[in-house]
Amino acid sequence: MANQQHEYQVEPVSIAPTELRDERHKINEILNEYAGEGWKLVDSVRIDSSSLLFVFYRPTDS
């Protein structure tokens, strides 16, 4: 079986906790945009109360 190669992408997002309810569409847009390009969400990392990192991966062509 051949080794599968992947590439990774990290997308930082900053949203104030008080704005989270109003800014959910921003997160949805980011996730849908990456999914449309073939990326899969691996993890989300909370940096602090207003900063997240979304980690995506997808297979490479090689």
PDB file of N, CA and C in Angstrom:
ATOM      1  N   MET A   1       0.844  -1.178   0.000  1.00  0.00           N
ATOM      2  CA  MET A   1       0.000   0.000   0.000  1.00  0.00           C
ATOM      3  C   MET A   1       0.889   1.241   0.000  1.00  0.00           C
ATOM      4  N   ALA A   2       0.607   2.190  -0.878  1.00  0.00           N
ATOM      5  CA  ALA A   2       1.391   3.411  -0.990  1.00  0.00           C
ATOM      6  C   ALA A   2       1.099   4.343   0.183  1.00  0.00           C
ATOM      7  N   ASN A   3       2.123   5.128   0.544  1.00  0.00           N
ATOM      8  CA  ASN A   3       1.930   6.121   1.602  1.00  0.00           C
ATOM      9  C   ASN A   3       1.057   7.258   1.095  1.00  0.00           C
ATOM     10  N   GLN A   4       0.065   7.610   1.872  1.00  0.00           N
ATOM     11  CA  GLN A   4      -0.805   8.737   1.515  1.00  0.00           C
ATOM     12  C   GLN A   4      -0.174  10.012   2.055  1.00  0.00           C
ATOM     13  N   GLN A   5      -0.012  11.009   1.213  1.00  0.00           N
ATOM     14  CA  GLN A   5       0.548  12.289   1.612  1.00  0.00           C
ATOM     15  C   GLN A   5      -0.580  13.306   1.793  1.00  0.00           C
ATOM     16  N   HIS A   6      -0.446  14.161   2.789  1.00  0.00           N
ATOM     17  CA  HIS A   6      -1.442  15.195   3.059  1.00  0.00           C
ATOM     18  C   HIS A   6      -0.773  16.545   3.180  1.00  0.00           C
ATOM     19  N   GLU A   7      -1.529  17.585   2.906  1.00  0.00           N
ATOM     20  CA  GLU A   7      -1.083  18.936   3.192  1.00  0.00           C
ATOM     21  C   GLU A   7      -2.037  19.516   4.233  1.00  0.00           C
ATOM     22  N   TYR A   8      -1.516  20.428   5.032  1.00  0.00           N
ATOM     23  CA  TYR A   8      -2.287  20.997   6.127  1.00  0.00           C
ATOM     24  C   TYR A   8      -2.390  22.506   5.972  1.00  0.00           C
ATOM     25  N   GLN A   9      -3.461  23.051   6.498  1.00  0.00           N
ATOM     26  CA  GLN A   9      -3.708  24.499   6.451  1.00  0.00           C
ATOM     27  C   GLN A   9      -4.289  24.899   7.800  1.00  0.00           C
ATOM     28  N   VAL A  10      -3.845  26.019   8.341  1.00  0.00           N
ATOM     29  CA  VAL A  10      -4.372  26.545   9.597  1.00  0.00           C
ATOM     30  C   VAL A  10      -5.030  27.891   9.317  1.00  0.00           C
ATOM     31  N   GLU A  11      -6.251  28.048   9.789  1.00  0.00           N
ATOM     32  CA  GLU A  11      -7.004  29.284   9.592  1.00  0.00           C
ATOM     33  C   GLU A  11      -7.282  29.915  10.956  1.00  0.00           C
ATOM     34  N   PRO A  12      -6.659  31.066  11.265  1.00  0.00           N
ATOM     35  CA  PRO A  12      -6.943  31.746  12.528  1.00  0.00           C
ATOM     36  C   PRO A  12      -8.254  32.527  12.443  1.00  0.00           C
ATOM     37  N   VAL A  13      -9.013  32.522  13.525  1.00  0.00           N
ATOM     38  CA  VAL A  13     -10.279  33.257  13.592  1.00  0.00           C
ATOM     39  C   VAL A  13     -10.325  33.976  14.929  1.00  0.00           C
ATOM     40  N   SER A  14     -10.648  35.262  14.892  1.00  0.00           N
ATOM     41  CA  SER A  14     -10.791  36.034  16.123  1.00  0.00           C
ATOM     42  C   SER A  14     -12.198  36.579  16.205  1.00  0.00           C
ATOM     43  N   ILE A  15     -12.895  36.215  17.265  1.00  0.00           N
ATOM     44  CA  ILE A  15     -14.258  36.689  17.497  1.00  0.00           C
ATOM     45  C   ILE A  15     -14.399  36.944  18.991  1.00  0.00           C
ATOM     46  N   ALA A  16     -14.858  38.127  19.337  1.00  0.00           N
ATOM     47  CA  ALA A  16     -15.083  38.443  20.743  1.00  0.00           C
ATOM     48  C   ALA A  16     -16.196  37.547  21.286  1.00  0.00           C
ATOM     49  N   PRO A  17     -16.036  37.047  22.508  1.00  0.00           N
ATOM     50  CA  PRO A  17     -17.060  36.150  23.074  1.00  0.00           C
ATOM     51  C   PRO A  17     -18.464  36.763  23.066  1.00  0.00           C
ATOM     52  N   THR A  18     -18.562  38.060  23.224  1.00  0.00           N
ATOM     53  CA  THR A  18     -19.875  38.713  23.226  1.00  0.00           C
ATOM     54  C   THR A  18     -20.492  38.744  21.832  1.00  0.00           C
ATOM     55  N   GLU A  19     -19.686  38.558  20.791  1.00  0.00           N
ATOM     56  CA  GLU A  19     -20.170  38.592  19.418  1.00  0.00           C
ATOM     57  C   GLU A  19     -20.355  37.199  18.823  1.00  0.00           C
ATOM     58  N   LEU A  20     -20.060  36.160  19.587  1.00  0.00           N
ATOM     59  CA  LEU A  20     -20.073  34.807  19.038  1.00  0.00           C
ATOM     60  C   LEU A  20     -21.410  34.436  18.427  1.00  0.00           C
ATOM     61  N   ARG A  21     -22.503  34.733  19.091  1.00  0.00           N
ATOM     62  CA  ARG A  21     -23.822  34.403  18.540  1.00  0.00           C
ATOM     63  C   ARG A  21     -24.052  35.095  17.196  1.00  0.00           C
ATOM     64  N   ASP A  22     -23.610  36.333  17.084  1.00  0.00           N
ATOM     65  CA  ASP A  22     -23.832  37.099  15.863  1.00  0.00           C
ATOM     66  C   ASP A  22     -22.846  36.744  14.755  1.00  0.00           C
ATOM     67  N   GLU A  23     -21.723  36.166  15.101  1.00  0.00           N
ATOM     68  CA  GLU A  23     -20.673  35.893  14.114  1.00  0.00           C
ATOM     69  C   GLU A  23     -20.591  34.424  13.711  1.00  0.00           C
ATOM     70  N   ARG A  24     -21.577  33.617  14.070  1.00  0.00           N
ATOM     71  CA  ARG A  24     -21.553  32.194  13.692  1.00  0.00           C
ATOM     72  C   ARG A  24     -21.470  32.018  12.185  1.00  0.00           C
ATOM     73  N   HIS A  25     -22.111  32.922  11.428  1.00  0.00           N
ATOM     74  CA  HIS A  25     -22.072  32.816   9.968  1.00  0.00           C
ATOM     75  C   HIS A  25     -20.649  32.934   9.438  1.00  0.00           C
ATOM     76  N   LYS A  26     -19.797  33.715  10.122  1.00  0.00           N
ATOM     77  CA  LYS A  26     -18.399  33.839   9.707  1.00  0.00           C
ATOM     78  C   LYS A  26     -17.696  32.479   9.804  1.00  0.00           C
ATOM     79  N   ILE A  27     -17.940  31.775  10.903  1.00  0.00           N
ATOM     80  CA  ILE A  27     -17.345  30.448  11.079  1.00  0.00           C
ATOM     81  C   ILE A  27     -17.902  29.480  10.048  1.00  0.00           C
ATOM     82  N   ASN A  28     -19.203  29.508   9.821  1.00  0.00           N
ATOM     83  CA  ASN A  28     -19.819  28.639   8.811  1.00  0.00           C
ATOM     84  C   ASN A  28     -19.226  28.896   7.434  1.00  0.00           C
ATOM     85  N   GLU A  29     -19.026  30.158   7.083  1.00  0.00           N
ATOM     86  CA  GLU A  29     -18.457  30.502   5.777  1.00  0.00           C
ATOM     87  C   GLU A  29     -17.044  29.936   5.627  1.00  0.00           C
ATOM     88  N   ILE A  30     -16.245  30.068   6.672  1.00  0.00           N
ATOM     89  CA  ILE A  30     -14.874  29.551   6.624  1.00  0.00           C
ATOM     90  C   ILE A  30     -14.890  28.034   6.443  1.00  0.00           C
ATOM     91  N   LEU A  31     -15.679  27.335   7.255  1.00  0.00           N
ATOM     92  CA  LEU A  31     -15.728  25.872   7.177  1.00  0.00           C
ATOM     93  C   LEU A  31     -16.247  25.405   5.824  1.00  0.00           C
ATOM     94  N   ASN A  32     -17.288  26.044   5.310  1.00  0.00           N
ATOM     95  CA  ASN A  32     -17.848  25.654   4.015  1.00  0.00           C
ATOM     96  C   ASN A  32     -16.897  25.959   2.866  1.00  0.00           C
ATOM     97  N   GLU A  33     -16.176  27.062   2.946  1.00  0.00           N
ATOM     98  CA  GLU A  33     -15.216  27.406   1.897  1.00  0.00           C
ATOM     99  C   GLU A  33     -14.115  26.349   1.808  1.00  0.00           C
ATOM    100  N   TYR A  34     -13.552  25.986   2.946  1.00  0.00           N
ATOM    101  CA  TYR A  34     -12.501  24.968   2.948  1.00  0.00           C
ATOM    102  C   TYR A  34     -13.041  23.611   2.499  1.00  0.00           C
ATOM    103  N   ALA A  35     -14.218  23.245   2.974  1.00  0.00           N
ATOM    104  CA  ALA A  35     -14.818  21.963   2.567  1.00  0.00           C
ATOM    105  C   ALA A  35     -15.034  21.923   1.061  1.00  0.00           C
ATOM    106  N   GLY A  36     -15.456  23.032   0.476  1.00  0.00           N
ATOM    107  CA  GLY A  36     -15.668  23.109  -0.955  1.00  0.00           C
ATOM    108  C   GLY A  36     -14.393  22.935  -1.761  1.00  0.00           C
ATOM    109  N   GLU A  37     -13.254  23.218  -1.130  1.00  0.00           N
ATOM    110  CA  GLU A  37     -11.955  23.064  -1.785  1.00  0.00           C
ATOM    111  C   GLU A  37     -11.306  21.715  -1.460  1.00  0.00           C
ATOM    112  N   GLY A  38     -12.058  20.832  -0.795  1.00  0.00           N
ATOM    113  CA  GLY A  38     -11.554  19.490  -0.508  1.00  0.00           C
ATOM    114  C   GLY A  38     -10.832  19.335   0.815  1.00  0.00           C
ATOM    115  N   TRP A  39     -10.818  20.367   1.629  1.00  0.00           N
ATOM    116  CA  TRP A  39     -10.173  20.295   2.940  1.00  0.00           C
ATOM    117  C   TRP A  39     -11.109  19.637   3.944  1.00  0.00           C
ATOM    118  N   LYS A  40     -10.528  18.909   4.896  1.00  0.00           N
ATOM    119  CA  LYS A  40     -11.291  18.297   5.989  1.00  0.00           C
ATOM    120  C   LYS A  40     -10.802  18.891   7.300  1.00  0.00           C
ATOM    121  N   LEU A  41     -11.733  19.214   8.172  1.00  0.00           N
ATOM    122  CA  LEU A  41     -11.390  19.776   9.478  1.00  0.00           C
ATOM    123  C   LEU A  41     -10.809  18.688  10.360  1.00  0.00           C
ATOM    124  N   VAL A  42      -9.588  18.909  10.857  1.00  0.00           N
ATOM    125  CA  VAL A  42      -8.925  17.956  11.732  1.00  0.00           C
ATOM    126  C   VAL A  42      -9.176  18.315  13.186  1.00  0.00           C
ATOM    127  N   ASP A  43      -9.059  19.605  13.495  1.00  0.00           N
ATOM    128  CA  ASP A  43      -9.137  20.021  14.882  1.00  0.00           C
ATOM    129  C   ASP A  43      -9.417  21.521  14.940  1.00  0.00           C
ATOM    130  N   SER A  44      -9.922  21.954  16.068  1.00  0.00           N
ATOM    131  CA  SER A  44     -10.015  23.381  16.364  1.00  0.00           C
ATOM    132  C   SER A  44      -9.327  23.584  17.699  1.00  0.00           C
ATOM    133  N   VAL A  45      -8.560  24.666  17.785  1.00  0.00           N
ATOM    134  CA  VAL A  45      -7.764  24.940  18.973  1.00  0.00           C
ATOM    135  C   VAL A  45      -8.158  26.305  19.507  1.00  0.00           C
ATOM    136  N   ARG A  46      -8.541  26.341  20.762  1.00  0.00           N
ATOM    137  CA  ARG A  46      -8.875  27.620  21.391  1.00  0.00           C
ATOM    138  C   ARG A  46      -7.590  28.215  21.956  1.00  0.00           C
ATOM    139  N   ILE A  47      -7.235  29.401  21.471  1.00  0.00           N
ATOM    140  CA  ILE A  47      -6.020  30.075  21.910  1.00  0.00           C
ATOM    141  C   ILE A  47      -6.308  30.898  23.168  1.00  0.00           C
ATOM    142  N   ASP A  48      -7.351  31.687  23.111  1.00  0.00           N
ATOM    143  CA  ASP A  48      -7.821  32.446  24.265  1.00  0.00           C
ATOM    144  C   ASP A  48      -9.316  32.659  24.090  1.00  0.00           C
ATOM    145  N   SER A  49      -9.901  33.550  24.858  1.00  0.00           N
ATOM    146  CA  SER A  49     -11.362  33.699  24.826  1.00  0.00           C
ATOM    147  C   SER A  49     -11.903  34.216  23.500  1.00  0.00           C
ATOM    148  N   SER A  50     -11.044  34.762  22.649  1.00  0.00           N
ATOM    149  CA  SER A  50     -11.541  35.294  21.379  1.00  0.00           C
ATOM    150  C   SER A  50     -10.789  34.787  20.156  1.00  0.00           C
ATOM    151  N   SER A  51      -9.884  33.834  20.317  1.00  0.00           N
ATOM    152  CA  SER A  51      -9.082  33.362  19.185  1.00  0.00           C
ATOM    153  C   SER A  51      -9.144  31.849  19.055  1.00  0.00           C
ATOM    154  N   LEU A  52      -9.414  31.404  17.831  1.00  0.00           N
ATOM    155  CA  LEU A  52      -9.457  29.980  17.494  1.00  0.00           C
ATOM    156  C   LEU A  52      -8.541  29.725  16.318  1.00  0.00           C
ATOM    157  N   LEU A  53      -8.058  28.507  16.235  1.00  0.00           N
ATOM    158  CA  LEU A  53      -7.363  28.044  15.038  1.00  0.00           C
ATOM    159  C   LEU A  53      -8.127  26.836  14.527  1.00  0.00           C
ATOM    160  N   PHE A  54      -8.455  26.822  13.251  1.00  0.00           N
ATOM    161  CA  PHE A  54      -9.039  25.656  12.616  1.00  0.00           C
ATOM    162  C   PHE A  54      -7.928  24.990  11.820  1.00  0.00           C
ATOM    163  N   VAL A  55      -7.745  23.690  12.013  1.00  0.00           N
ATOM    164  CA  VAL A  55      -6.702  22.944  11.313  1.00  0.00           C
ATOM    165  C   VAL A  55      -7.387  22.013  10.317  1.00  0.00           C
ATOM    166  N   PHE A  56      -7.007  22.157   9.040  1.00  0.00           N
ATOM    167  CA  PHE A  56      -7.584  21.377   7.945  1.00  0.00           C
ATOM    168  C   PHE A  56      -6.495  20.549   7.281  1.00  0.00           C
ATOM    169  N   TYR A  57      -6.902  19.461   6.629  1.00  0.00           N
ATOM    170  CA  TYR A  57      -5.967  18.691   5.816  1.00  0.00           C
ATOM    171  C   TYR A  57      -6.698  18.165   4.583  1.00  0.00           C
ATOM    172  N   ARG A  58      -5.900  17.820   3.572  1.00  0.00           N
ATOM    173  CA  ARG A  58      -6.423  17.157   2.379  1.00  0.00           C
ATOM    174  C   ARG A  58      -5.294  16.379   1.726  1.00  0.00           C
ATOM    175  N   PRO A  59      -5.657  15.336   0.991  1.00  0.00           N
ATOM    176  CA  PRO A  59      -4.616  14.552   0.299  1.00  0.00           C
ATOM    177  C   PRO A  59      -3.922  15.403  -0.768  1.00  0.00           C
ATOM    178  N   THR A  60      -2.645  15.147  -0.961  1.00  0.00           N
ATOM    179  CA  THR A  60      -1.921  15.818  -2.036  1.00  0.00           C
ATOM    180  C   THR A  60      -2.004  14.966  -3.301  1.00  0.00           C
ATOM    181  N   ASP A  61      -1.681  15.566  -4.415  1.00  0.00           N
ATOM    182  CA  ASP A  61      -1.742  14.867  -5.692  1.00  0.00           C
ATOM    183  C   ASP A  61      -0.566  13.917  -5.911  1.00  0.00           C
ATOM    184  N   SER A  62       0.492  14.084  -5.115  1.00  0.00           N
ATOM    185  CA  SER A  62       1.692  13.249  -5.332  1.00  0.00           C
ATOM    186  C   SER A  62       1.599  11.926  -4.637  1.00  0.00           C
TER     187      SER A  62
END
